[in-house]
């Protein structure tokens, strides 16, 4: 079944859910610089998936998926820091890291699939 929209992509759906969770967890945080950075990085993941999809070229889509993968790694790094700074509980950190890892694996798999189709 062909996708009709970026919203049909499971990787986008998971990235969107992760972004909503990050906004919910960090909205009350008074460290505005940290909050802004982690929120922007998480939004970057889902938006680069969407933008790459809209370009309608596998090569360009792969480029945007790689940018999304980089932003996803940035979110992971910030979640580790958030735990170290006790901005979130260990339980919340583990939940968010698990979600982040799942998005990262989906991105890697998607990149590999599209790259293999080019040859």
PDB file of N, CA and C in Angstrom:
ATOM      1  N   UNK A   1       0.844  -1.188   0.000  1.00  0.00           N
ATOM      2  CA  UNK A   1       0.000   0.000   0.000  1.00  0.00           C
ATOM      3  C   UNK A   1       0.887   1.248   0.000  1.00  0.00           C
ATOM      4  N   UNK A   2       0.666   2.082  -0.968  1.00  0.00           N
ATOM      5  CA  UNK A   2       1.410   3.333  -1.056  1.00  0.00           C
ATOM      6  C   UNK A   2       0.896   4.322  -0.023  1.00  0.00           C
ATOM      7  N   UNK A   3       1.824   5.109   0.505  1.00  0.00           N
ATOM      8  CA  UNK A   3       1.417   6.139   1.453  1.00  0.00           C
ATOM      9  C   UNK A   3       0.893   7.341   0.681  1.00  0.00           C
ATOM     10  N   UNK A   4      -0.112   7.964   1.226  1.00  0.00           N
ATOM     11  CA  UNK A   4      -0.708   9.142   0.614  1.00  0.00           C
ATOM     12  C   UNK A   4      -0.159  10.422   1.216  1.00  0.00           C
ATOM     13  N   UNK A   5       0.429  10.297   2.410  1.00  0.00           N
ATOM     14  CA  UNK A   5       0.880  11.465   3.153  1.00  0.00           C
ATOM     15  C   UNK A   5       2.018  11.048   4.088  1.00  0.00           C
ATOM     16  N   UNK A   6       2.843  11.995   4.463  1.00  0.00           N
ATOM     17  CA  UNK A   6       3.878  11.717   5.455  1.00  0.00           C
ATOM     18  C   UNK A   6       3.257  11.224   6.754  1.00  0.00           C
ATOM     19  N   UNK A   7       2.010  11.623   7.014  1.00  0.00           N
ATOM     20  CA  UNK A   7       1.320  11.223   8.246  1.00  0.00           C
ATOM     21  C   UNK A   7       1.040   9.725   8.289  1.00  0.00           C
ATOM     22  N   UNK A   8       1.122   9.057   7.136  1.00  0.00           N
ATOM     23  CA  UNK A   8       0.923   7.605   7.070  1.00  0.00           C
ATOM     24  C   UNK A   8       2.179   6.832   7.471  1.00  0.00           C
ATOM     25  N   UNK A   9       3.318   7.522   7.515  1.00  0.00           N
ATOM     26  CA  UNK A   9       4.585   6.858   7.837  1.00  0.00           C
ATOM     27  C   UNK A   9       4.668   6.583   9.337  1.00  0.00           C
ATOM     28  N   UNK A  10       4.906   5.340   9.692  1.00  0.00           N
ATOM     29  CA  UNK A  10       5.009   4.966  11.108  1.00  0.00           C
ATOM     30  C   UNK A  10       6.125   5.744  11.789  1.00  0.00           C
ATOM     31  N   UNK A  11       7.223   5.951  11.091  1.00  0.00           N
ATOM     32  CA  UNK A  11       8.350   6.683  11.684  1.00  0.00           C
ATOM     33  C   UNK A  11       7.932   8.116  12.028  1.00  0.00           C
ATOM     34  N   UNK A  12       7.140   8.751  11.172  1.00  0.00           N
ATOM     35  CA  UNK A  12       6.660  10.101  11.476  1.00  0.00           C
ATOM     36  C   UNK A  12       5.696  10.071  12.660  1.00  0.00           C
ATOM     37  N   UNK A  13       4.798   9.093  12.683  1.00  0.00           N
ATOM     38  CA  UNK A  13       3.832   8.973  13.775  1.00  0.00           C
ATOM     39  C   UNK A  13       4.539   8.811  15.121  1.00  0.00           C
ATOM     40  N   UNK A  14       5.579   7.972  15.158  1.00  0.00           N
ATOM     41  CA  UNK A  14       6.334   7.758  16.405  1.00  0.00           C
ATOM     42  C   UNK A  14       7.111   9.017  16.785  1.00  0.00           C
ATOM     43  N   UNK A  15       7.696   9.696  15.798  1.00  0.00           N
ATOM     44  CA  UNK A  15       8.436  10.932  16.075  1.00  0.00           C
ATOM     45  C   UNK A  15       7.482  12.010  16.587  1.00  0.00           C
ATOM     46  N   UNK A  16       6.295  12.079  16.022  1.00  0.00           N
ATOM     47  CA  UNK A  16       5.286  13.042  16.474  1.00  0.00           C
ATOM     48  C   UNK A  16       4.897  12.767  17.924  1.00  0.00           C
ATOM     49  N   UNK A  17       4.652  11.503  18.232  1.00  0.00           N
ATOM     50  CA  UNK A  17       4.277  11.134  19.604  1.00  0.00           C
ATOM     51  C   UNK A  17       5.408  11.485  20.577  1.00  0.00           C
ATOM     52  N   UNK A  18       6.652  11.227  20.174  1.00  0.00           N
ATOM     53  CA  UNK A  18       7.794  11.561  21.029  1.00  0.00           C
ATOM     54  C   UNK A  18       7.872  13.076  21.254  1.00  0.00           C
ATOM     55  N   UNK A  19       7.641  13.848  20.213  1.00  0.00           N
ATOM     56  CA  UNK A  19       7.677  15.311  20.333  1.00  0.00           C
ATOM     57  C   UNK A  19       6.610  15.806  21.307  1.00  0.00           C
ATOM     58  N   UNK A  20       5.418  15.267  21.200  1.00  0.00           N
ATOM     59  CA  UNK A  20       4.345  15.650  22.123  1.00  0.00           C
ATOM     60  C   UNK A  20       4.756  15.311  23.557  1.00  0.00           C
ATOM     61  N   UNK A  21       5.320  14.116  23.766  1.00  0.00           N
ATOM     62  CA  UNK A  21       5.762  13.718  25.104  1.00  0.00           C
ATOM     63  C   UNK A  21       6.853  14.641  25.642  1.00  0.00           C
ATOM     64  N   UNK A  22       7.783  15.032  24.780  1.00  0.00           N
ATOM     65  CA  UNK A  22       8.857  15.935  25.210  1.00  0.00           C
ATOM     66  C   UNK A  22       8.285  17.305  25.577  1.00  0.00           C
ATOM     67  N   UNK A  23       7.369  17.811  24.779  1.00  0.00           N
ATOM     68  CA  UNK A  23       6.734  19.085  25.124  1.00  0.00           C
ATOM     69  C   UNK A  23       6.023  18.993  26.471  1.00  0.00           C
ATOM     70  N   UNK A  24       5.293  17.916  26.683  1.00  0.00           N
ATOM     71  CA  UNK A  24       4.564  17.743  27.940  1.00  0.00           C
ATOM     72  C   UNK A  24       5.516  17.656  29.137  1.00  0.00           C
ATOM     73  N   UNK A  25       6.623  16.934  28.984  1.00  0.00           N
ATOM     74  CA  UNK A  25       7.557  16.754  30.094  1.00  0.00           C
ATOM     75  C   UNK A  25       8.353  18.006  30.419  1.00  0.00           C
ATOM     76  N   UNK A  26       8.723  18.756  29.387  1.00  0.00           N
ATOM     77  CA  UNK A  26       9.649  19.871  29.609  1.00  0.00           C
ATOM     78  C   UNK A  26       8.995  21.254  29.616  1.00  0.00           C
ATOM     79  N   UNK A  27       7.712  21.350  29.328  1.00  0.00           N
ATOM     80  CA  UNK A  27       7.043  22.659  29.332  1.00  0.00           C
ATOM     81  C   UNK A  27       7.169  23.412  30.651  1.00  0.00           C
ATOM     82  N   UNK A  28       7.091  22.730  31.812  1.00  0.00           N
ATOM     83  CA  UNK A  28       7.214  23.469  33.070  1.00  0.00           C
ATOM     84  C   UNK A  28       8.659  23.861  33.436  1.00  0.00           C
ATOM     85  N   UNK A  29       9.629  23.338  32.701  1.00  0.00           N
ATOM     86  CA  UNK A  29      11.039  23.552  33.044  1.00  0.00           C
ATOM     87  C   UNK A  29      11.416  25.029  32.957  1.00  0.00           C
ATOM     88  N   UNK A  30      12.091  25.524  33.992  1.00  0.00           N
ATOM     89  CA  UNK A  30      12.494  26.938  34.041  1.00  0.00           C
ATOM     90  C   UNK A  30      13.803  27.213  33.292  1.00  0.00           C
ATOM     91  N   UNK A  31      14.561  26.159  32.972  1.00  0.00           N
ATOM     92  CA  UNK A  31      15.780  26.320  32.176  1.00  0.00           C
ATOM     93  C   UNK A  31      15.333  26.455  30.716  1.00  0.00           C
ATOM     94  N   UNK A  32      15.034  27.707  30.338  1.00  0.00           N
ATOM     95  CA  UNK A  32      14.427  27.969  29.041  1.00  0.00           C
ATOM     96  C   UNK A  32      15.323  27.566  27.875  1.00  0.00           C
ATOM     97  N   UNK A  33      16.621  27.751  28.011  1.00  0.00           N
ATOM     98  CA  UNK A  33      17.544  27.361  26.940  1.00  0.00           C
ATOM     99  C   UNK A  33      17.511  25.869  26.698  1.00  0.00           C
ATOM    100  N   UNK A  34      17.552  25.104  27.766  1.00  0.00           N
ATOM    101  CA  UNK A  34      17.499  23.642  27.648  1.00  0.00           C
ATOM    102  C   UNK A  34      16.164  23.215  27.048  1.00  0.00           C
ATOM    103  N   UNK A  35      15.090  23.753  27.613  1.00  0.00           N
ATOM    104  CA  UNK A  35      13.744  23.395  27.151  1.00  0.00           C
ATOM    105  C   UNK A  35      13.580  23.692  25.663  1.00  0.00           C
ATOM    106  N   UNK A  36      14.009  24.879  25.244  1.00  0.00           N
ATOM    107  CA  UNK A  36      13.898  25.274  23.850  1.00  0.00           C
ATOM    108  C   UNK A  36      14.696  24.329  22.944  1.00  0.00           C
ATOM    109  N   UNK A  37      15.896  23.984  23.366  1.00  0.00           N
ATOM    110  CA  UNK A  37      16.767  23.146  22.538  1.00  0.00           C
ATOM    111  C   UNK A  37      16.205  21.739  22.351  1.00  0.00           C
ATOM    112  N   UNK A  38      15.752  21.114  23.423  1.00  0.00           N
ATOM    113  CA  UNK A  38      15.238  19.743  23.291  1.00  0.00           C
ATOM    114  C   UNK A  38      13.923  19.731  22.514  1.00  0.00           C
ATOM    115  N   UNK A  39      13.111  20.759  22.701  1.00  0.00           N
ATOM    116  CA  UNK A  39      11.865  20.830  21.942  1.00  0.00           C
ATOM    117  C   UNK A  39      12.135  21.059  20.461  1.00  0.00           C
ATOM    118  N   UNK A  40      13.059  21.946  20.154  1.00  0.00           N
ATOM    119  CA  UNK A  40      13.400  22.207  18.746  1.00  0.00           C
ATOM    120  C   UNK A  40      13.996  20.966  18.076  1.00  0.00           C
ATOM    121  N   UNK A  41      14.857  20.262  18.789  1.00  0.00           N
ATOM    122  CA  UNK A  41      15.470  19.059  18.221  1.00  0.00           C
ATOM    123  C   UNK A  41      14.416  17.996  17.938  1.00  0.00           C
ATOM    124  N   UNK A  42      13.473  17.821  18.854  1.00  0.00           N
ATOM    125  CA  UNK A  42      12.438  16.806  18.634  1.00  0.00           C
ATOM    126  C   UNK A  42      11.514  17.194  17.479  1.00  0.00           C
ATOM    127  N   UNK A  43      11.187  18.468  17.373  1.00  0.00           N
ATOM    128  CA  UNK A  43      10.370  18.934  16.254  1.00  0.00           C
ATOM    129  C   UNK A  43      11.123  18.737  14.938  1.00  0.00           C
ATOM    130  N   UNK A  44      12.425  18.944  14.964  1.00  0.00           N
ATOM    131  CA  UNK A  44      13.252  18.764  13.766  1.00  0.00           C
ATOM    132  C   UNK A  44      13.165  17.343  13.223  1.00  0.00           C
ATOM    133  N   UNK A  45      13.076  16.371  14.105  1.00  0.00           N
ATOM    134  CA  UNK A  45      12.986  14.974  13.659  1.00  0.00           C
ATOM    135  C   UNK A  45      11.735  14.794  12.809  1.00  0.00           C
ATOM    136  N   UNK A  46      10.587  15.120  13.371  1.00  0.00           N
ATOM    137  CA  UNK A  46       9.336  14.877  12.641  1.00  0.00           C
ATOM    138  C   UNK A  46       9.207  15.770  11.407  1.00  0.00           C
ATOM    139  N   UNK A  47       9.681  17.015  11.492  1.00  0.00           N
ATOM    140  CA  UNK A  47       9.561  17.922  10.347  1.00  0.00           C
ATOM    141  C   UNK A  47      10.479  17.540   9.196  1.00  0.00           C
ATOM    142  N   UNK A  48      11.661  17.022   9.495  1.00  0.00           N
ATOM    143  CA  UNK A  48      12.546  16.589   8.407  1.00  0.00           C
ATOM    144  C   UNK A  48      12.024  15.339   7.722  1.00  0.00           C
ATOM    145  N   UNK A  49      11.360  14.475   8.464  1.00  0.00           N
ATOM    146  CA  UNK A  49      10.706  13.320   7.839  1.00  0.00           C
ATOM    147  C   UNK A  49       9.633  13.816   6.874  1.00  0.00           C
ATOM    148  N   UNK A  50       8.809  14.748   7.345  1.00  0.00           N
ATOM    149  CA  UNK A  50       7.727  15.293   6.520  1.00  0.00           C
ATOM    150  C   UNK A  50       8.267  16.021   5.291  1.00  0.00           C
ATOM    151  N   UNK A  51       9.260  16.866   5.505  1.00  0.00           N
ATOM    152  CA  UNK A  51       9.801  17.635   4.381  1.00  0.00           C
ATOM    153  C   UNK A  51      10.459  16.728   3.353  1.00  0.00           C
ATOM    154  N   UNK A  52      11.221  15.758   3.814  1.00  0.00           N
ATOM    155  CA  UNK A  52      11.858  14.827   2.885  1.00  0.00           C
ATOM    156  C   UNK A  52      10.844  14.039   2.082  1.00  0.00           C
ATOM    157  N   UNK A  53       9.779  13.617   2.734  1.00  0.00           N
ATOM    158  CA  UNK A  53       8.717  12.881   2.042  1.00  0.00           C
ATOM    159  C   UNK A  53       8.123  13.723   0.912  1.00  0.00           C
ATOM    160  N   UNK A  54       7.925  15.001   1.184  1.00  0.00           N
ATOM    161  CA  UNK A  54       7.288  15.888   0.213  1.00  0.00           C
ATOM    162  C   UNK A  54       8.158  16.152  -1.009  1.00  0.00           C
ATOM    163  N   UNK A  55       9.445  15.896  -0.919  1.00  0.00           N
ATOM    164  CA  UNK A  55      10.352  16.175  -2.040  1.00  0.00           C
ATOM    165  C   UNK A  55      10.209  15.167  -3.177  1.00  0.00           C
ATOM    166  N   UNK A  56       9.624  14.013  -2.892  1.00  0.00           N
ATOM    167  CA  UNK A  56       9.321  13.003  -3.915  1.00  0.00           C
ATOM    168  C   UNK A  56      10.534  12.473  -4.672  1.00  0.00           C
ATOM    169  N   UNK A  57      11.662  12.459  -4.008  1.00  0.00           N
ATOM    170  CA  UNK A  57      12.876  11.879  -4.575  1.00  0.00           C
ATOM    171  C   UNK A  57      13.539  11.071  -3.471  1.00  0.00           C
ATOM    172  N   UNK A  58      13.818   9.794  -3.742  1.00  0.00           N
ATOM    173  CA  UNK A  58      14.423   8.951  -2.711  1.00  0.00           C
ATOM    174  C   UNK A  58      15.754   9.512  -2.234  1.00  0.00           C
ATOM    175  N   UNK A  59      16.560  10.009  -3.157  1.00  0.00           N
ATOM    176  CA  UNK A  59      17.869  10.551  -2.784  1.00  0.00           C
ATOM    177  C   UNK A  59      17.705  11.745  -1.827  1.00  0.00           C
ATOM    178  N   UNK A  60      16.791  12.637  -2.138  1.00  0.00           N
ATOM    179  CA  UNK A  60      16.544  13.798  -1.287  1.00  0.00           C
ATOM    180  C   UNK A  60      15.902  13.378   0.030  1.00  0.00           C
ATOM    181  N   UNK A  61      14.989  12.401  -0.050  1.00  0.00           N
ATOM    182  CA  UNK A  61      14.332  11.906   1.157  1.00  0.00           C
ATOM    183  C   UNK A  61      15.374  11.325   2.114  1.00  0.00           C
ATOM    184  N   UNK A  62      16.308  10.557   1.589  1.00  0.00           N
ATOM    185  CA  UNK A  62      17.379   9.989   2.416  1.00  0.00           C
ATOM    186  C   UNK A  62      18.160  11.103   3.106  1.00  0.00           C
ATOM    187  N   UNK A  63      18.452  12.172   2.366  1.00  0.00           N
ATOM    188  CA  UNK A  63      19.168  13.320   2.944  1.00  0.00           C
ATOM    189  C   UNK A  63      18.409  13.876   4.153  1.00  0.00           C
ATOM    190  N   UNK A  64      17.112  14.080   4.004  1.00  0.00           N
ATOM    191  CA  UNK A  64      16.314  14.612   5.111  1.00  0.00           C
ATOM    192  C   UNK A  64      16.178  13.612   6.254  1.00  0.00           C
ATOM    193  N   UNK A  65      16.098  12.325   5.922  1.00  0.00           N
ATOM    194  CA  UNK A  65      16.050  11.305   6.979  1.00  0.00           C
ATOM    195  C   UNK A  65      17.348  11.291   7.780  1.00  0.00           C
ATOM    196  N   UNK A  66      18.465  11.539   7.115  1.00  0.00           N
ATOM    197  CA  UNK A  66      19.748  11.611   7.836  1.00  0.00           C
ATOM    198  C   UNK A  66      19.794  12.834   8.756  1.00  0.00           C
ATOM    199  N   UNK A  67      19.237  13.930   8.308  1.00  0.00           N
ATOM    200  CA  UNK A  67      19.150  15.109   9.180  1.00  0.00           C
ATOM    201  C   UNK A  67      18.270  14.773  10.387  1.00  0.00           C
ATOM    202  N   UNK A  68      17.145  14.105  10.132  1.00  0.00           N
ATOM    203  CA  UNK A  68      16.257  13.690  11.219  1.00  0.00           C
ATOM    204  C   UNK A  68      16.986  12.772  12.191  1.00  0.00           C
ATOM    205  N   UNK A  69      17.812  11.877  11.664  1.00  0.00           N
ATOM    206  CA  UNK A  69      18.587  10.953  12.505  1.00  0.00           C
ATOM    207  C   UNK A  69      19.556  11.735  13.393  1.00  0.00           C
ATOM    208  N   UNK A  70      20.183  12.761  12.837  1.00  0.00           N
ATOM    209  CA  UNK A  70      21.081  13.601  13.628  1.00  0.00           C
ATOM    210  C   UNK A  70      20.336  14.324  14.738  1.00  0.00           C
ATOM    211  N   UNK A  71      19.169  14.860  14.419  1.00  0.00           N
ATOM    212  CA  UNK A  71      18.364  15.533  15.437  1.00  0.00           C
ATOM    213  C   UNK A  71      17.886  14.551  16.494  1.00  0.00           C
ATOM    214  N   UNK A  72      17.573  13.334  16.076  1.00  0.00           N
ATOM    215  CA  UNK A  72      17.149  12.305  17.019  1.00  0.00           C
ATOM    216  C   UNK A  72      18.279  11.980  18.005  1.00  0.00           C
ATOM    217  N   UNK A  73      19.496  11.952  17.510  1.00  0.00           N
ATOM    218  CA  UNK A  73      20.651  11.712  18.380  1.00  0.00           C
ATOM    219  C   UNK A  73      20.859  12.892  19.327  1.00  0.00           C
ATOM    220  N   UNK A  74      20.593  14.096  18.848  1.00  0.00           N
ATOM    221  CA  UNK A  74      20.670  15.274  19.715  1.00  0.00           C
ATOM    222  C   UNK A  74      19.649  15.169  20.852  1.00  0.00           C
ATOM    223  N   UNK A  75      18.444  14.722  20.537  1.00  0.00           N
ATOM    224  CA  UNK A  75      17.427  14.530  21.574  1.00  0.00           C
ATOM    225  C   UNK A  75      17.911  13.503  22.597  1.00  0.00           C
ATOM    226  N   UNK A  76      18.494  12.418  22.124  1.00  0.00           N
ATOM    227  CA  UNK A  76      19.025  11.395  23.034  1.00  0.00           C
ATOM    228  C   UNK A  76      20.060  11.999  23.985  1.00  0.00           C
ATOM    229  N   UNK A  77      20.979  12.762  23.449  1.00  0.00           N
ATOM    230  CA  UNK A  77      22.018  13.394  24.257  1.00  0.00           C
ATOM    231  C   UNK A  77      21.399  14.324  25.306  1.00  0.00           C
ATOM    232  N   UNK A  78      20.398  15.070  24.895  1.00  0.00           N
ATOM    233  CA  UNK A  78      19.758  16.004  25.827  1.00  0.00           C
ATOM    234  C   UNK A  78      18.957  15.265  26.897  1.00  0.00           C
ATOM    235  N   UNK A  79      18.372  14.124  26.539  1.00  0.00           N
ATOM    236  CA  UNK A  79      17.655  13.323  27.537  1.00  0.00           C
ATOM    237  C   UNK A  79      18.620  12.773  28.587  1.00  0.00           C
ATOM    238  N   UNK A  80      19.814  12.395  28.158  1.00  0.00           N
ATOM    239  CA  UNK A  80      20.836  11.932  29.102  1.00  0.00           C
ATOM    240  C   UNK A  80      21.210  13.080  30.039  1.00  0.00           C
ATOM    241  N   UNK A  81      21.412  14.262  29.469  1.00  0.00           N
ATOM    242  CA  UNK A  81      21.735  15.435  30.280  1.00  0.00           C
ATOM    243  C   UNK A  81      20.582  15.788  31.222  1.00  0.00           C
ATOM    244  N   UNK A  82      19.351  15.687  30.728  1.00  0.00           N
ATOM    245  CA  UNK A  82      18.182  15.993  31.568  1.00  0.00           C
ATOM    246  C   UNK A  82      18.142  15.094  32.796  1.00  0.00           C
ATOM    247  N   UNK A  83      18.509  13.838  32.624  1.00  0.00           N
ATOM    248  CA  UNK A  83      18.574  12.927  33.767  1.00  0.00           C
ATOM    249  C   UNK A  83      19.689  13.303  34.718  1.00  0.00           C
ATOM    250  N   UNK A  84      20.834  13.643  34.180  1.00  0.00           N
ATOM    251  CA  UNK A  84      21.981  14.031  35.011  1.00  0.00           C
ATOM    252  C   UNK A  84      21.689  15.284  35.823  1.00  0.00           C
ATOM    253  N   UNK A  85      20.930  16.201  35.229  1.00  0.00           N
ATOM    254  CA  UNK A  85      20.573  17.456  35.909  1.00  0.00           C
ATOM    255  C   UNK A  85      19.323  17.310  36.778  1.00  0.00           C
ATOM    256  N   UNK A  86      18.759  16.120  36.773  1.00  0.00           N
ATOM    257  CA  UNK A  86      17.531  15.807  37.527  1.00  0.00           C
ATOM    258  C   UNK A  86      16.355  16.679  37.101  1.00  0.00           C
ATOM    259  N   UNK A  87      16.301  16.974  35.803  1.00  0.00           N
ATOM    260  CA  UNK A  87      15.154  17.693  35.248  1.00  0.00           C
ATOM    261  C   UNK A  87      13.961  16.751  35.096  1.00  0.00           C
ATOM    262  N   UNK A  88      14.245  15.466  34.963  1.00  0.00           N
ATOM    263  CA  UNK A  88      13.203  14.448  34.842  1.00  0.00           C
ATOM    264  C   UNK A  88      13.594  13.259  35.712  1.00  0.00           C
ATOM    265  N   UNK A  89      12.600  12.476  36.074  1.00  0.00           N
ATOM    266  CA  UNK A  89      12.865  11.280  36.886  1.00  0.00           C
ATOM    267  C   UNK A  89      13.562  10.223  36.025  1.00  0.00           C
ATOM    268  N   UNK A  90      14.191   9.285  36.681  1.00  0.00           N
ATOM    269  CA  UNK A  90      14.842   8.181  35.976  1.00  0.00           C
ATOM    270  C   UNK A  90      13.824   7.400  35.152  1.00  0.00           C
ATOM    271  N   UNK A  91      12.635   7.205  35.707  1.00  0.00           N
ATOM    272  CA  UNK A  91      11.581   6.468  35.004  1.00  0.00           C
ATOM    273  C   UNK A  91      11.171   7.199  33.723  1.00  0.00           C
ATOM    274  N   UNK A  92      10.976   8.507  33.820  1.00  0.00           N
ATOM    275  CA  UNK A  92      10.615   9.310  32.646  1.00  0.00           C
ATOM    276  C   UNK A  92      11.740   9.304  31.627  1.00  0.00           C
ATOM    277  N   UNK A  93      12.965   9.431  32.106  1.00  0.00           N
ATOM    278  CA  UNK A  93      14.116   9.418  31.199  1.00  0.00           C
ATOM    279  C   UNK A  93      14.161   8.100  30.431  1.00  0.00           C
ATOM    280  N   UNK A  94      13.993   6.984  31.119  1.00  0.00           N
ATOM    281  CA  UNK A  94      14.053   5.678  30.461  1.00  0.00           C
ATOM    282  C   UNK A  94      12.939   5.518  29.434  1.00  0.00           C
ATOM    283  N   UNK A  95      11.743   6.002  29.768  1.00  0.00           N
ATOM    284  CA  UNK A  95      10.610   5.935  28.841  1.00  0.00           C
ATOM    285  C   UNK A  95      10.901   6.754  27.577  1.00  0.00           C
ATOM    286  N   UNK A  96      11.409   7.961  27.765  1.00  0.00           N
ATOM    287  CA  UNK A  96      11.710   8.822  26.622  1.00  0.00           C
ATOM    288  C   UNK A  96      12.882   8.296  25.803  1.00  0.00           C
ATOM    289  N   UNK A  97      13.889   7.751  26.476  1.00  0.00           N
ATOM    290  CA  UNK A  97      15.027   7.167  25.753  1.00  0.00           C
ATOM    291  C   UNK A  97      14.596   5.956  24.929  1.00  0.00           C
ATOM    292  N   UNK A  98      13.698   5.162  25.463  1.00  0.00           N
ATOM    293  CA  UNK A  98      13.203   3.995  24.729  1.00  0.00           C
ATOM    294  C   UNK A  98      12.459   4.439  23.473  1.00  0.00           C
ATOM    295  N   UNK A  99      11.604   5.445  23.608  1.00  0.00           N
ATOM    296  CA  UNK A  99      10.878   5.993  22.469  1.00  0.00           C
ATOM    297  C   UNK A  99      11.851   6.563  21.437  1.00  0.00           C
ATOM    298  N   UNK A 100      12.862   7.284  21.929  1.00  0.00           N
ATOM    299  CA  UNK A 100      13.869   7.878  21.058  1.00  0.00           C
ATOM    300  C   UNK A 100      14.645   6.796  20.304  1.00  0.00           C
ATOM    301  N   UNK A 101      14.985   5.725  20.992  1.00  0.00           N
ATOM    302  CA  UNK A 101      15.720   4.623  20.357  1.00  0.00           C
ATOM    303  C   UNK A 101      14.870   3.977  19.260  1.00  0.00           C
ATOM    304  N   UNK A 102      13.582   3.825  19.525  1.00  0.00           N
ATOM    305  CA  UNK A 102      12.685   3.237  18.537  1.00  0.00           C
ATOM    306  C   UNK A 102      12.628   4.109  17.274  1.00  0.00           C
ATOM    307  N   UNK A 103      12.508   5.416  17.454  1.00  0.00           N
ATOM    308  CA  UNK A 103      12.492   6.332  16.308  1.00  0.00           C
ATOM    309  C   UNK A 103      13.815   6.233  15.550  1.00  0.00           C
ATOM    310  N   UNK A 104      14.923   6.178  16.277  1.00  0.00           N
ATOM    311  CA  UNK A 104      16.233   6.063  15.636  1.00  0.00           C
ATOM    312  C   UNK A 104      16.367   4.796  14.806  1.00  0.00           C
ATOM    313  N   UNK A 105      15.884   3.691  15.338  1.00  0.00           N
ATOM    314  CA  UNK A 105      15.938   2.418  14.596  1.00  0.00           C
ATOM    315  C   UNK A 105      15.059   2.470  13.350  1.00  0.00           C
ATOM    316  N   UNK A 106      13.884   3.066  13.479  1.00  0.00           N
ATOM    317  CA  UNK A 106      13.003   3.209  12.316  1.00  0.00           C
ATOM    318  C   UNK A 106      13.644   4.090  11.247  1.00  0.00           C
ATOM    319  N   UNK A 107      14.274   5.167  11.673  1.00  0.00           N
ATOM    320  CA  UNK A 107      14.966   6.041  10.713  1.00  0.00           C
ATOM    321  C   UNK A 107      16.087   5.295  10.010  1.00  0.00           C
ATOM    322  N   UNK A 108      16.899   4.578  10.768  1.00  0.00           N
ATOM    323  CA  UNK A 108      18.007   3.820  10.171  1.00  0.00           C
ATOM    324  C   UNK A 108      17.493   2.780   9.185  1.00  0.00           C
ATOM    325  N   UNK A 109      16.439   2.069   9.573  1.00  0.00           N
ATOM    326  CA  UNK A 109      15.866   1.060   8.688  1.00  0.00           C
ATOM    327  C   UNK A 109      15.312   1.667   7.413  1.00  0.00           C
ATOM    328  N   UNK A 110      14.667   2.805   7.546  1.00  0.00           N
ATOM    329  CA  UNK A 110      14.094   3.493   6.389  1.00  0.00           C
ATOM    330  C   UNK A 110      15.208   3.978   5.465  1.00  0.00           C
ATOM    331  N   UNK A 111      16.249   4.555   6.033  1.00  0.00           N
ATOM    332  CA  UNK A 111      17.398   5.008   5.236  1.00  0.00           C
ATOM    333  C   UNK A 111      18.010   3.827   4.493  1.00  0.00           C
ATOM    334  N   UNK A 112      18.224   2.722   5.189  1.00  0.00           N
ATOM    335  CA  UNK A 112      18.807   1.523   4.553  1.00  0.00           C
ATOM    336  C   UNK A 112      17.912   0.981   3.438  1.00  0.00           C
ATOM    337  N   UNK A 113      16.613   0.960   3.679  1.00  0.00           N
ATOM    338  CA  UNK A 113      15.673   0.456   2.656  1.00  0.00           C
ATOM    339  C   UNK A 113      15.712   1.329   1.415  1.00  0.00           C
ATOM    340  N   UNK A 114      15.629   2.643   1.597  1.00  0.00           N
ATOM    341  CA  UNK A 114      15.646   3.545   0.445  1.00  0.00           C
ATOM    342  C   UNK A 114      16.992   3.521  -0.274  1.00  0.00           C
ATOM    343  N   UNK A 115      18.081   3.374   0.485  1.00  0.00           N
ATOM    344  CA  UNK A 115      19.415   3.319  -0.118  1.00  0.00           C
ATOM    345  C   UNK A 115      19.573   2.055  -0.957  1.00  0.00           C
ATOM    346  N   UNK A 116      19.036   0.943  -0.473  1.00  0.00           N
ATOM    347  CA  UNK A 116      19.133  -0.330  -1.212  1.00  0.00           C
ATOM    348  C   UNK A 116      18.330  -0.276  -2.502  1.00  0.00           C
ATOM    349  N   UNK A 117      17.240   0.459  -2.488  1.00  0.00           N
ATOM    350  CA  UNK A 117      16.391   0.569  -3.694  1.00  0.00           C
ATOM    351  C   UNK A 117      17.070   1.377  -4.792  1.00  0.00           C
ATOM    352  N   UNK A 118      18.059   2.194  -4.418  1.00  0.00           N
ATOM    353  CA  UNK A 118      18.762   3.008  -5.415  1.00  0.00           C
ATOM    354  C   UNK A 118      19.686   2.180  -6.283  1.00  0.00           C
ATOM    355  N   UNK A 119      20.032   0.965  -5.834  1.00  0.00           N
ATOM    356  CA  UNK A 119      20.994   0.152  -6.589  1.00  0.00           C
ATOM    357  C   UNK A 119      20.361  -0.987  -7.319  1.00  0.00           C
TER     358      UNK A 119
END
